Amino acid sequence: MVDRPTAVLLTVSASVLVVTMLLAVSWALGHVISTPYLPLEWMVARHGVAIAIDFGLCGLLAWRRVMAEGDKR
């Protein structure tokens, strides 16, 4: 069982991954079936930063917290 801050970090990391992948699919479909899609500059700025910071950093911090808790046992 993980503590509350670790659970929040894991939840944020997982949620951001789902949202950003939906954005990526939306962008790709826009090129294939001619539906409106977000500009590439917007995708780089938002999608890339969200993956790097929200998914990557929150996931890494949660993983480190879980490992630190395992070392205490």
C-alpha atoms as a PDB file:
ATOM      1  CA  MET A   1       0.000   0.000   0.000  1.00  0.00           C
ATOM      2  CA  VAL A   2       1.360   3.408  -0.937  1.00  0.00           C
ATOM      3  CA  ASP A   3       0.851   6.624   0.974  1.00  0.00           C
ATOM      4  CA  ARG A   4      -1.456   9.379  -0.267  1.00  0.00           C
ATOM      5  CA  PRO A   5       1.184  11.653  -1.915  1.00  0.00           C
ATOM      6  CA  THR A   6       2.592   8.694  -3.844  1.00  0.00           C
ATOM      7  CA  ALA A   7      -0.887   7.659  -4.959  1.00  0.00           C
ATOM      8  CA  VAL A   8      -1.584  11.212  -6.137  1.00  0.00           C
ATOM      9  CA  LEU A   9       1.668  11.291  -8.126  1.00  0.00           C
ATOM     10  CA  LEU A  10       0.847   7.948  -9.753  1.00  0.00           C
ATOM     11  CA  THR A  11      -2.689   9.089 -10.563  1.00  0.00           C
ATOM     12  CA  VAL A  12      -1.474  12.326 -12.141  1.00  0.00           C
ATOM     13  CA  SER A  13       1.137  10.444 -14.147  1.00  0.00           C
ATOM     14  CA  ALA A  14      -1.371   7.910 -15.478  1.00  0.00           C
ATOM     15  CA  SER A  15      -4.078  10.504 -16.173  1.00  0.00           C
ATOM     16  CA  VAL A  16      -1.748  12.785 -18.104  1.00  0.00           C
ATOM     17  CA  LEU A  17      -0.605   9.879 -20.253  1.00  0.00           C
ATOM     18  CA  VAL A  18      -4.196   9.055 -21.224  1.00  0.00           C
ATOM     19  CA  VAL A  19      -5.072  12.679 -22.013  1.00  0.00           C
ATOM     20  CA  THR A  20      -1.929  13.363 -24.045  1.00  0.00           C
ATOM     21  CA  MET A  21      -2.316  10.144 -26.038  1.00  0.00           C
ATOM     22  CA  LEU A  22      -5.890  11.149 -26.880  1.00  0.00           C
ATOM     23  CA  LEU A  23      -4.525  14.488 -28.100  1.00  0.00           C
ATOM     24  CA  ALA A  24      -1.967  12.669 -30.241  1.00  0.00           C
ATOM     25  CA  VAL A  25      -4.612  10.396 -31.742  1.00  0.00           C
ATOM     26  CA  SER A  26      -6.832  13.416 -32.442  1.00  0.00           C
ATOM     27  CA  TRP A  27      -3.952  15.188 -34.165  1.00  0.00           C
ATOM     28  CA  ALA A  28      -3.074  12.124 -36.264  1.00  0.00           C
ATOM     29  CA  LEU A  29      -6.687  11.486 -37.258  1.00  0.00           C
ATOM     30  CA  GLY A  30      -6.969  15.089 -38.356  1.00  0.00           C
ATOM     31  CA  HIS A  31      -4.349  14.398 -40.991  1.00  0.00           C
ATOM     32  CA  VAL A  32      -5.941  11.170 -42.171  1.00  0.00           C
ATOM     33  CA  ILE A  33      -9.675  11.908 -42.266  1.00  0.00           C
ATOM     34  CA  SER A  34      -9.607  15.691 -42.661  1.00  0.00           C
ATOM     35  CA  THR A  35     -11.139  16.631 -39.324  1.00  0.00           C
ATOM     36  CA  PRO A  36     -10.063  19.720 -37.394  1.00  0.00           C
ATOM     37  CA  TYR A  37      -6.855  19.233 -35.458  1.00  0.00           C
ATOM     38  CA  LEU A  38      -4.556  21.285 -33.267  1.00  0.00           C
ATOM     39  CA  PRO A  39      -1.545  23.016 -34.855  1.00  0.00           C
ATOM     40  CA  LEU A  40       1.826  21.348 -34.523  1.00  0.00           C
ATOM     41  CA  GLU A  41       3.245  24.240 -32.485  1.00  0.00           C
ATOM     42  CA  TRP A  42       0.455  23.804 -29.920  1.00  0.00           C
ATOM     43  CA  MET A  43       1.029  20.044 -29.765  1.00  0.00           C
ATOM     44  CA  VAL A  44       4.760  20.458 -29.218  1.00  0.00           C
ATOM     45  CA  ALA A  45       4.265  23.060 -26.519  1.00  0.00           C
ATOM     46  CA  ARG A  46       1.452  21.336 -24.617  1.00  0.00           C
ATOM     47  CA  HIS A  47       1.723  17.624 -25.412  1.00  0.00           C
ATOM     48  CA  GLY A  48       5.503  17.461 -25.170  1.00  0.00           C
ATOM     49  CA  VAL A  49       5.732  19.437 -21.959  1.00  0.00           C
ATOM     50  CA  ALA A  50       2.890  17.485 -20.356  1.00  0.00           C
ATOM     51  CA  ILE A  51       4.558  14.177 -21.193  1.00  0.00           C
ATOM     52  CA  ALA A  52       7.957  15.329 -19.953  1.00  0.00           C
ATOM     53  CA  ILE A  53       6.902  17.059 -16.757  1.00  0.00           C
ATOM     54  CA  ASP A  54       3.569  15.652 -15.688  1.00  0.00           C
ATOM     55  CA  PHE A  55       3.963  12.054 -16.813  1.00  0.00           C
ATOM     56  CA  GLY A  56       7.724  11.700 -16.552  1.00  0.00           C
ATOM     57  CA  LEU A  57       8.465  13.724 -13.437  1.00  0.00           C
ATOM     58  CA  CYS A  58       5.416  12.622 -11.435  1.00  0.00           C
ATOM     59  CA  GLY A  59       6.031   8.989 -12.370  1.00  0.00           C
ATOM     60  CA  LEU A  60       9.689   9.218 -11.435  1.00  0.00           C
ATOM     61  CA  LEU A  61       8.950  10.894  -8.099  1.00  0.00           C
ATOM     62  CA  ALA A  62       6.318   8.270  -7.276  1.00  0.00           C
ATOM     63  CA  TRP A  63       8.690   5.458  -8.213  1.00  0.00           C
ATOM     64  CA  ARG A  64      11.419   6.908  -5.992  1.00  0.00           C
ATOM     65  CA  ARG A  65       8.958   7.197  -3.096  1.00  0.00           C
ATOM     66  CA  VAL A  66       7.904   3.558  -3.530  1.00  0.00           C
ATOM     67  CA  MET A  67      11.535   2.430  -3.645  1.00  0.00           C
ATOM     68  CA  ALA A  68      12.395   4.492  -0.553  1.00  0.00           C
ATOM     69  CA  GLU A  69       9.458   2.951   1.318  1.00  0.00           C
ATOM     70  CA  GLY A  70      10.668  -0.527   0.328  1.00  0.00           C
ATOM     71  CA  ASP A  71      14.141   0.223   1.721  1.00  0.00           C
ATOM     72  CA  LYS A  72      12.639   1.126   5.109  1.00  0.00           C
ATOM     73  CA  ARG A  73      11.003  -2.293   5.488  1.00  0.00           C
END
